[in-house]
């Protein structure tokens, strides 16, 4: 499991087997498939590349932090079921090309990924 950090370097979520988990590791809040970033919507909301999560406008919304490989989610079977629910609801999985930018967005990663 690897931490996902905000601009200040604070852990805001975790990445585990392409599954984005809340900080309590109990709820799936998104997925990374290929380099596409998915949240609650049934279409890509951004991209993930170079250890960086980006909005469609190319601005940085979060980055990967420290690798805590020895950690696993508290309830792994439930996590996989939640991830499957998101995956099975996807209608559009084609990612658009985005231009990589160096600046951070003002938006919160958690609000961005969990918005309907």
Protein backbone atom coordinates (compact mmCIF):
# COMPACT_ATOMS: atom_id res chain seq x y z
CA UNK A 1 0.00 0.00 0.00
CA UNK A 2 1.27 3.45 -0.89
CA UNK A 3 0.15 6.76 0.54
CA UNK A 4 -1.40 9.45 -1.64
CA UNK A 5 -0.40 12.92 -0.51
CA UNK A 6 -1.60 16.47 -1.07
CA UNK A 7 0.49 19.54 -1.85
CA UNK A 8 1.52 19.82 1.82
CA UNK A 9 2.69 16.19 1.88
CA UNK A 10 -0.17 15.06 4.12
CA UNK A 11 -1.57 11.57 3.54
CA UNK A 12 -5.08 11.93 2.14
CA UNK A 13 -5.68 8.39 0.83
CA UNK A 14 -3.93 5.12 -0.04
CA UNK A 15 -3.30 3.25 -3.28
CA UNK A 16 -3.55 -0.53 -2.97
CA UNK A 17 -3.61 -2.81 -6.03
CA UNK A 18 -4.93 0.06 -8.21
CA UNK A 19 -7.65 0.74 -5.64
CA UNK A 20 -7.83 4.16 -3.96
CA UNK A 21 -8.84 3.87 -0.31
CA UNK A 22 -9.85 6.42 2.29
CA UNK A 23 -7.36 6.97 5.10
CA UNK A 24 -9.19 4.55 7.41
CA UNK A 25 -8.72 1.91 4.67
CA UNK A 26 -12.38 0.93 4.89
CA UNK A 27 -13.90 2.55 1.83
CA UNK A 28 -12.98 2.46 -1.85
CA UNK A 29 -13.11 5.99 -3.24
CA UNK A 30 -11.62 5.38 -6.69
CA UNK A 31 -9.66 3.21 -9.07
CA UNK A 32 -6.68 3.54 -11.37
CA UNK A 33 -7.04 1.52 -14.58
CA UNK A 34 -4.12 1.82 -16.95
CA UNK A 35 -3.39 5.49 -16.47
CA UNK A 36 -7.05 6.54 -16.11
CA UNK A 37 -8.37 7.83 -12.79
CA UNK A 38 -11.93 6.89 -11.83
CA UNK A 39 -14.04 8.09 -8.93
CA UNK A 40 -17.81 7.85 -8.41
CA UNK A 41 -18.57 8.82 -12.00
CA UNK A 42 -18.79 6.08 -14.61
CA UNK A 43 -16.15 7.74 -16.81
CA UNK A 44 -12.54 8.84 -16.30
CA UNK A 45 -12.10 11.97 -14.20
CA UNK A 46 -8.36 12.38 -14.64
CA UNK A 47 -5.09 10.59 -15.25
CA UNK A 48 -2.30 9.04 -13.26
CA UNK A 49 1.27 9.07 -14.56
CA UNK A 50 4.76 9.84 -13.25
CA UNK A 51 3.50 9.06 -9.71
CA UNK A 52 1.09 11.99 -10.02
CA UNK A 53 -2.70 12.24 -10.12
CA UNK A 54 -3.96 14.93 -12.50
CA UNK A 55 -7.25 16.50 -13.40
CA UNK A 56 -8.29 16.59 -17.06
CA UNK A 57 -6.86 20.12 -17.27
CA UNK A 58 -3.39 18.66 -16.47
CA UNK A 59 -3.04 20.27 -13.04
CA UNK A 60 -1.74 18.15 -10.16
CA UNK A 61 -4.34 17.06 -7.62
CA UNK A 62 -2.24 14.55 -5.61
CA UNK A 63 0.99 12.55 -5.69
CA UNK A 64 2.17 9.19 -4.46
CA UNK A 65 3.86 9.29 -1.11
CA UNK A 66 5.68 6.62 0.87
CA UNK A 67 5.39 2.95 0.07
CA UNK A 68 4.12 1.00 3.05
CA UNK A 69 4.19 -2.38 1.31
CA UNK A 70 3.84 -4.31 4.52
CA UNK A 71 0.44 -2.73 5.24
CA UNK A 72 -2.75 -4.25 3.88
CA UNK A 73 -6.32 -3.01 4.17
CA UNK A 74 -8.22 -4.07 7.27
CA UNK A 75 -10.92 -5.93 5.33
CA UNK A 76 -9.44 -6.93 1.99
CA UNK A 77 -12.41 -9.00 0.68
CA UNK A 78 -14.80 -6.10 1.31
CA UNK A 79 -12.38 -3.69 -0.40
CA UNK A 80 -12.30 -5.90 -3.50
CA UNK A 81 -16.11 -6.09 -3.55
CA UNK A 82 -16.38 -2.30 -3.35
CA UNK A 83 -13.85 -1.94 -6.17
CA UNK A 84 -15.81 -4.41 -8.29
CA UNK A 85 -18.99 -2.35 -7.77
CA UNK A 86 -17.24 0.74 -9.17
CA UNK A 87 -15.70 -1.24 -12.03
CA UNK A 88 -18.95 -2.91 -13.05
CA UNK A 89 -20.71 0.47 -13.24
CA UNK A 90 -18.27 2.01 -15.73
CA UNK A 91 -19.74 3.00 -19.07
CA UNK A 92 -16.87 4.97 -20.57
CA UNK A 93 -13.27 3.93 -20.05
CA UNK A 94 -11.50 5.89 -22.76
CA UNK A 95 -9.03 8.39 -21.35
CA UNK A 96 -8.41 11.65 -23.11
CA UNK A 97 -4.97 13.09 -23.74
CA UNK A 98 -4.02 15.74 -21.21
CA UNK A 99 -1.15 18.19 -21.17
CA UNK A 100 1.07 17.76 -18.12
CA UNK A 101 1.32 20.93 -16.03
CA UNK A 102 3.64 21.69 -13.11
CA UNK A 103 1.15 23.59 -10.97
CA UNK A 104 -1.28 22.22 -8.41
CA UNK A 105 -5.03 22.68 -8.57
CA UNK A 106 -6.78 24.40 -5.66
CA UNK A 107 -9.31 21.54 -5.50
CA UNK A 108 -9.27 18.87 -2.83
CA UNK A 109 -8.43 15.36 -4.06
CA UNK A 110 -11.05 13.78 -1.81
CA UNK A 111 -13.82 16.11 -2.95
CA UNK A 112 -12.75 15.71 -6.58
CA UNK A 113 -12.71 11.91 -6.58
CA UNK A 114 -15.93 11.46 -4.59
CA UNK A 115 -18.14 13.98 -6.40
CA UNK A 116 -21.09 12.56 -8.33
